[in-house]
Amino acid sequence: MKPADNKVDQIFSDHDRNYSCNSISINSNDNLIASGSADGHLVVRSLRDGEVVLTDRQIRSPITKCRFSPTSQRTLATSFESGVVALWDLQSKVLKQKFLAHSASCTGIAFSPVNNLLMCSVGLDEKIHFFDIVECKEVKQIMTGLQLS
């Protein structure tokens, strides 16, 4: 791998300067980047041409995490301080499902690296939620007794 030459190829200025960008994620074939900010603004861009694929502010809460599915390049999840977990279909550019999962901030989300159905979330409410993302339903909940981040 060639070392970086410190040259800036592109500048993305999608988020309001008054709010921090809390999370970024790149999809499994390195052609999309998602970013989420403290004002709840989600932006997905093509890394090939810089074009905006999706921009959204439907959920009025700070975004805590953005994560692409490792098994589906066009599936993205976002988590929010409000406890919401959102699942996005970037092929059709729509919010596929909004899970009202946590009673406190949702601090993390993860997809199974081998099972294209499974996603989980953790939060400050001491719970782990497991979701079937094909059927768009929660399949299990675990109470841990510890705040999770």
Protein backbone atom coordinates (compact mmCIF):
# COMPACT_ATOMS: atom_id res chain seq x y z
CA MET A 1 0.00 0.00 0.00
CA LYS A 2 1.30 3.42 -0.95
CA PRO A 3 1.61 5.92 1.95
CA ALA A 4 -0.79 8.85 1.91
CA ASP A 5 0.56 12.03 0.36
CA ASN A 6 -1.69 14.26 2.54
CA LYS A 7 -3.56 15.45 -0.54
CA VAL A 8 -7.28 16.11 -0.03
CA ASP A 9 -9.28 14.56 -2.88
CA GLN A 10 -12.74 15.72 -1.84
CA ILE A 11 -14.32 17.83 0.87
CA PHE A 12 -17.76 16.88 2.13
CA SER A 13 -19.47 19.64 4.09
CA ASP A 14 -22.86 18.04 4.57
CA HIS A 15 -23.33 18.64 8.30
CA ASP A 16 -24.06 21.88 10.09
CA ARG A 17 -20.89 23.24 11.69
CA ASN A 18 -22.80 23.77 14.96
CA TYR A 19 -23.26 20.01 15.41
CA SER A 20 -20.63 17.29 15.64
CA CYS A 21 -20.46 14.41 13.20
CA ASN A 22 -20.88 11.50 15.64
CA SER A 23 -20.34 8.47 13.42
CA ILE A 24 -19.20 7.36 9.98
CA SER A 25 -19.28 4.01 8.22
CA ILE A 26 -18.08 2.69 4.86
CA ASN A 27 -19.89 -0.17 3.14
CA SER A 28 -18.27 -3.51 2.35
CA ASN A 29 -17.24 -2.70 -1.22
CA ASP A 30 -15.91 0.77 -0.33
CA ASN A 31 -18.26 2.71 -2.57
CA LEU A 32 -20.58 4.37 0.00
CA ILE A 33 -19.89 6.41 3.12
CA ALA A 34 -22.56 7.27 5.70
CA SER A 35 -22.28 9.97 8.33
CA GLY A 36 -24.59 10.91 11.16
CA SER A 37 -24.54 14.04 13.28
CA ALA A 38 -25.73 15.40 16.60
CA ASP A 39 -28.68 17.15 14.95
CA GLY A 40 -30.01 13.84 13.58
CA HIS A 41 -28.85 14.48 10.02
CA LEU A 42 -27.92 11.35 8.06
CA VAL A 43 -25.96 11.66 4.82
CA VAL A 44 -24.93 8.82 2.51
CA ARG A 45 -22.55 9.62 -0.34
CA SER A 46 -20.94 7.73 -3.17
CA LEU A 47 -17.18 7.55 -2.75
CA ARG A 48 -16.82 7.08 -6.51
CA ASP A 49 -18.35 10.34 -7.67
CA GLY A 50 -19.18 12.18 -4.42
CA GLU A 51 -22.89 12.32 -5.21
CA VAL A 52 -25.40 12.29 -2.35
CA VAL A 53 -27.31 8.98 -2.32
CA LEU A 54 -29.52 9.81 0.67
CA THR A 55 -29.99 12.66 3.10
CA ASP A 56 -32.51 12.45 5.90
CA ARG A 57 -33.65 14.15 9.11
CA GLN A 58 -36.84 12.15 9.82
CA ILE A 59 -35.78 11.16 13.32
CA ARG A 60 -35.21 14.31 15.36
CA SER A 61 -32.57 12.97 17.74
CA PRO A 62 -28.77 12.91 17.72
CA ILE A 63 -27.35 9.97 15.75
CA THR A 64 -25.02 7.86 17.88
CA LYS A 65 -23.88 5.25 15.32
CA CYS A 66 -24.04 4.45 11.59
CA ARG A 67 -23.24 0.91 10.44
CA PHE A 68 -23.44 -0.80 7.07
CA SER A 69 -24.31 -4.47 6.89
CA PRO A 70 -21.27 -6.56 5.93
CA THR A 71 -23.50 -8.94 3.94
CA SER A 72 -25.71 -6.38 2.16
CA GLN A 73 -23.93 -3.37 0.68
CA ARG A 74 -27.16 -1.35 0.47
CA THR A 75 -28.38 -1.92 4.06
CA LEU A 76 -27.55 0.68 6.70
CA ALA A 77 -28.54 0.98 10.36
CA THR A 78 -28.45 4.09 12.51
CA SER A 79 -28.94 4.45 16.25
CA PHE A 80 -30.14 7.50 18.12
CA GLU A 81 -29.96 9.09 21.58
CA SER A 82 -33.75 8.74 21.73
CA GLY A 83 -33.34 4.94 21.77
CA VAL A 84 -34.55 4.47 18.20
CA VAL A 85 -32.80 2.07 15.83
CA ALA A 86 -33.43 2.74 12.14
CA LEU A 87 -32.90 0.38 9.22
CA TRP A 88 -32.37 1.91 5.78
CA ASP A 89 -32.73 0.36 2.32
CA LEU A 90 -30.33 2.36 0.17
CA GLN A 91 -31.37 0.56 -3.01
CA SER A 92 -34.81 2.16 -2.80
CA LYS A 93 -33.57 5.09 -0.62
CA VAL A 94 -36.17 4.62 2.11
CA LEU A 95 -36.39 4.13 5.84
CA LYS A 96 -37.28 0.44 5.90
CA GLN A 97 -38.05 0.16 9.63
CA LYS A 98 -37.89 2.28 12.76
CA PHE A 99 -37.57 0.22 15.93
CA LEU A 100 -38.53 1.94 19.19
CA ALA A 101 -36.03 -0.31 20.93
CA HIS A 102 -34.42 1.41 23.91
CA SER A 103 -35.81 3.52 26.74
CA ALA A 104 -32.48 5.39 26.95
CA SER A 105 -29.79 6.27 24.42
CA CYS A 106 -28.94 3.51 21.95
CA THR A 107 -25.15 3.51 22.03
CA GLY A 108 -24.23 0.81 19.53
CA ILE A 109 -25.41 -1.35 16.66
CA ALA A 110 -23.85 -4.34 14.94
CA PHE A 111 -24.69 -6.72 12.13
CA SER A 112 -23.78 -10.38 12.15
CA PRO A 113 -20.81 -10.90 9.82
CA VAL A 114 -22.22 -14.26 8.65
CA ASN A 115 -26.00 -14.13 9.08
CA ASN A 116 -27.70 -11.66 6.74
CA LEU A 117 -30.81 -11.65 8.95
CA LEU A 118 -29.31 -10.60 12.28
CA MET A 119 -28.65 -7.16 13.75
CA CYS A 120 -28.34 -6.14 17.40
CA SER A 121 -28.31 -2.93 19.40
CA VAL A 122 -27.16 -1.95 22.88
CA GLY A 123 -28.02 0.99 25.07
CA LEU A 124 -27.83 2.84 28.33
CA ASP A 125 -31.09 1.10 29.34
CA GLU A 126 -29.00 -2.04 30.04
CA LYS A 127 -30.58 -4.03 27.19
CA ILE A 128 -29.37 -5.86 24.10
CA HIS A 129 -31.97 -6.14 21.35
CA PHE A 130 -31.73 -8.62 18.47
CA PHE A 131 -33.57 -8.00 15.20
CA ASP A 132 -34.47 -10.00 12.12
CA ILE A 133 -33.84 -7.36 9.47
CA VAL A 134 -35.58 -9.28 6.67
CA GLU A 135 -38.87 -9.63 8.59
CA CYS A 136 -38.26 -6.25 10.33
CA LYS A 137 -39.03 -7.50 13.81
CA GLU A 138 -37.35 -7.86 17.17
CA VAL A 139 -36.57 -11.50 17.94
CA LYS A 140 -34.91 -11.35 21.34
CA GLN A 141 -34.09 -9.01 24.21
CA ILE A 142 -31.49 -9.52 26.95
CA MET A 143 -31.38 -7.50 30.18
CA THR A 144 -27.74 -7.21 31.30
CA GLY A 145 -27.91 -5.12 34.49
CA LEU A 146 -25.17 -2.86 33.04
CA GLN A 147 -25.29 0.21 30.85
CA LEU A 148 -23.85 -0.75 27.48
CA SER A 149 -21.84 1.46 25.18
